[in-house]
Amino acid sequence: MEITCTWIDGKYPSFNLGLSSKEGREEFLVIKGCKIMTGKNGEFVTGPSTKGKDDRYWNHTYMSKEFAEVVLEKAKASEPKVRVTVTNGDIDMDSDIPF
């Protein structure tokens, strides 16, 4: 099975998780809105969820611990290294230029 992570940039970066039978094949399953979170035991991957009236989050997908670990590795390896910082509506792309 081939696992791909397509990152979506924004205020809260997330990624779409795609599964295909092998590399180059069309994805047979896409889970949109996955995120890398940090908890008391370290980083983990969470799928899309909804906040309920009780202020608890309810997951729409569930992953086994082993599968989530593989997804976390893939997501971290494919995570964009360069981020554009937006401050007061201005894009600060030149902050490291020495002149």
C-alpha atoms as a PDB file:
ATOM      1  CA  MET A   1       0.000   0.000   0.000  1.00  0.00           C
ATOM      2  CA  GLU A   2       1.219   3.512  -0.827  1.00  0.00           C
ATOM      3  CA  ILE A   3       0.555   6.371   1.615  1.00  0.00           C
ATOM      4  CA  THR A   4       0.760  10.003   0.471  1.00  0.00           C
ATOM      5  CA  CYS A   5       0.388  13.218   2.467  1.00  0.00           C
ATOM      6  CA  THR A   6      -0.613  16.383   0.614  1.00  0.00           C
ATOM      7  CA  TRP A   7      -0.118  19.428   2.838  1.00  0.00           C
ATOM      8  CA  ILE A   8      -2.660  22.266   2.969  1.00  0.00           C
ATOM      9  CA  ASP A   9      -1.127  25.509   4.227  1.00  0.00           C
ATOM     10  CA  GLY A  10      -3.046  28.009   6.282  1.00  0.00           C
ATOM     11  CA  LYS A  11      -3.562  29.265   9.798  1.00  0.00           C
ATOM     12  CA  TYR A  12      -3.903  25.673  10.974  1.00  0.00           C
ATOM     13  CA  PRO A  13      -1.764  23.510   8.631  1.00  0.00           C
ATOM     14  CA  SER A  14      -3.259  20.132   7.825  1.00  0.00           C
ATOM     15  CA  PHE A  15      -2.778  17.400   5.255  1.00  0.00           C
ATOM     16  CA  ASN A  16      -4.869  15.055   3.174  1.00  0.00           C
ATOM     17  CA  LEU A  17      -3.983  11.397   3.603  1.00  0.00           C
ATOM     18  CA  GLY A  18      -4.190   9.360   0.406  1.00  0.00           C
ATOM     19  CA  LEU A  19      -4.070   5.581   0.100  1.00  0.00           C
ATOM     20  CA  SER A  20      -3.423   3.698  -3.131  1.00  0.00           C
ATOM     21  CA  SER A  21      -2.616   0.090  -3.937  1.00  0.00           C
ATOM     22  CA  LYS A  22       0.905   1.019  -5.088  1.00  0.00           C
ATOM     23  CA  GLU A  23       2.947   3.999  -6.214  1.00  0.00           C
ATOM     24  CA  GLY A  24       1.570   5.673  -9.338  1.00  0.00           C
ATOM     25  CA  ARG A  25      -1.916   4.214  -8.926  1.00  0.00           C
ATOM     26  CA  GLU A  26      -5.021   6.295  -8.307  1.00  0.00           C
ATOM     27  CA  GLU A  27      -5.904   6.790  -4.641  1.00  0.00           C
ATOM     28  CA  PHE A  28      -8.811   4.638  -3.518  1.00  0.00           C
ATOM     29  CA  LEU A  29      -9.247   6.526  -0.230  1.00  0.00           C
ATOM     30  CA  VAL A  30      -8.552  10.145   0.763  1.00  0.00           C
ATOM     31  CA  ILE A  31      -8.987  11.410   4.321  1.00  0.00           C
ATOM     32  CA  LYS A  32      -9.054  15.210   4.363  1.00  0.00           C
ATOM     33  CA  GLY A  33      -8.113  17.390   7.321  1.00  0.00           C
ATOM     34  CA  CYS A  34      -5.513  15.289   9.153  1.00  0.00           C
ATOM     35  CA  LYS A  35      -3.157  17.089  11.542  1.00  0.00           C
ATOM     36  CA  ILE A  36      -0.037  16.477  13.586  1.00  0.00           C
ATOM     37  CA  MET A  37      -0.777  17.264  17.228  1.00  0.00           C
ATOM     38  CA  THR A  38       1.382  17.245  20.342  1.00  0.00           C
ATOM     39  CA  GLY A  39       0.081  15.546  23.469  1.00  0.00           C
ATOM     40  CA  LYS A  40       1.516  14.481  26.805  1.00  0.00           C
ATOM     41  CA  ASN A  41       3.119  11.435  25.133  1.00  0.00           C
ATOM     42  CA  GLY A  42       4.563  13.353  22.155  1.00  0.00           C
ATOM     43  CA  GLU A  43       3.398  13.919  18.593  1.00  0.00           C
ATOM     44  CA  PHE A  44       0.547  12.005  17.009  1.00  0.00           C
ATOM     45  CA  VAL A  45      -1.679  12.148  13.917  1.00  0.00           C
ATOM     46  CA  THR A  46      -5.333  12.945  14.250  1.00  0.00           C
ATOM     47  CA  GLY A  47      -7.974  12.659  11.573  1.00  0.00           C
ATOM     48  CA  PRO A  48     -10.805  15.102  10.978  1.00  0.00           C
ATOM     49  CA  SER A  49     -13.030  15.782  13.974  1.00  0.00           C
ATOM     50  CA  THR A  50     -15.912  17.970  15.119  1.00  0.00           C
ATOM     51  CA  LYS A  51     -16.237  19.847  18.390  1.00  0.00           C
ATOM     52  CA  GLY A  52     -19.466  18.862  20.109  1.00  0.00           C
ATOM     53  CA  LYS A  53     -21.762  20.894  22.335  1.00  0.00           C
ATOM     54  CA  ASP A  54     -19.950  19.347  25.302  1.00  0.00           C
ATOM     55  CA  ASP A  55     -16.633  20.945  24.108  1.00  0.00           C
ATOM     56  CA  ARG A  56     -15.188  17.492  23.366  1.00  0.00           C
ATOM     57  CA  TYR A  57     -13.816  16.578  19.942  1.00  0.00           C
ATOM     58  CA  TRP A  58     -15.423  13.641  18.136  1.00  0.00           C
ATOM     59  CA  ASN A  59     -13.276  11.858  15.542  1.00  0.00           C
ATOM     60  CA  HIS A  60     -14.655  11.005  12.102  1.00  0.00           C
ATOM     61  CA  THR A  61     -11.947   8.419  11.452  1.00  0.00           C
ATOM     62  CA  TYR A  62      -9.986   6.020  13.609  1.00  0.00           C
ATOM     63  CA  MET A  63      -6.478   4.673  12.964  1.00  0.00           C
ATOM     64  CA  SER A  64      -4.672   1.827  14.635  1.00  0.00           C
ATOM     65  CA  LYS A  65      -1.618   2.856  16.627  1.00  0.00           C
ATOM     66  CA  GLU A  66       0.714   1.134  14.148  1.00  0.00           C
ATOM     67  CA  PHE A  67      -0.891   2.769  11.106  1.00  0.00           C
ATOM     68  CA  ALA A  68      -0.898   6.202  12.806  1.00  0.00           C
ATOM     69  CA  GLU A  69       2.852   5.843  13.483  1.00  0.00           C
ATOM     70  CA  VAL A  70       3.537   5.143   9.788  1.00  0.00           C
ATOM     71  CA  VAL A  71       1.354   8.109   8.774  1.00  0.00           C
ATOM     72  CA  LEU A  72       3.181  10.352  11.266  1.00  0.00           C
ATOM     73  CA  GLU A  73       6.544   9.394   9.721  1.00  0.00           C
ATOM     74  CA  LYS A  74       5.263  10.065   6.184  1.00  0.00           C
ATOM     75  CA  ALA A  75       3.626  13.353   7.199  1.00  0.00           C
ATOM     76  CA  LYS A  76       6.735  14.659   8.969  1.00  0.00           C
ATOM     77  CA  ALA A  77       8.920  13.676   5.996  1.00  0.00           C
ATOM     78  CA  SER A  78       6.650  15.501   3.537  1.00  0.00           C
ATOM     79  CA  GLU A  79       5.877  18.535   5.725  1.00  0.00           C
ATOM     80  CA  PRO A  80       6.834  21.812   4.032  1.00  0.00           C
ATOM     81  CA  LYS A  81      10.106  23.160   5.443  1.00  0.00           C
ATOM     82  CA  VAL A  82       9.555  26.805   4.456  1.00  0.00           C
ATOM     83  CA  ARG A  83       6.647  28.705   5.914  1.00  0.00           C
ATOM     84  CA  VAL A  84       5.601  32.220   4.992  1.00  0.00           C
ATOM     85  CA  THR A  85       4.834  34.357   8.039  1.00  0.00           C
ATOM     86  CA  VAL A  86       1.892  36.734   7.766  1.00  0.00           C
ATOM     87  CA  THR A  87       2.012  39.729  10.122  1.00  0.00           C
ATOM     88  CA  ASN A  88      -0.754  42.340  10.097  1.00  0.00           C
ATOM     89  CA  GLY A  89      -1.779  41.240   6.600  1.00  0.00           C
ATOM     90  CA  ASP A  90       1.745  41.710   5.181  1.00  0.00           C
ATOM     91  CA  ILE A  91       3.813  38.805   3.962  1.00  0.00           C
ATOM     92  CA  ASP A  92       7.279  38.938   5.557  1.00  0.00           C
ATOM     93  CA  MET A  93       9.347  37.090   2.950  1.00  0.00           C
ATOM     94  CA  ASP A  94      12.372  39.411   3.083  1.00  0.00           C
ATOM     95  CA  SER A  95      13.078  39.435   6.819  1.00  0.00           C
ATOM     96  CA  ASP A  96      16.415  37.622   6.432  1.00  0.00           C
ATOM     97  CA  ILE A  97      17.834  39.854   3.649  1.00  0.00           C
ATOM     98  CA  PRO A  98      20.823  41.768   5.100  1.00  0.00           C
ATOM     99  CA  PHE A  99      20.148  45.095   3.329  1.00  0.00           C
END
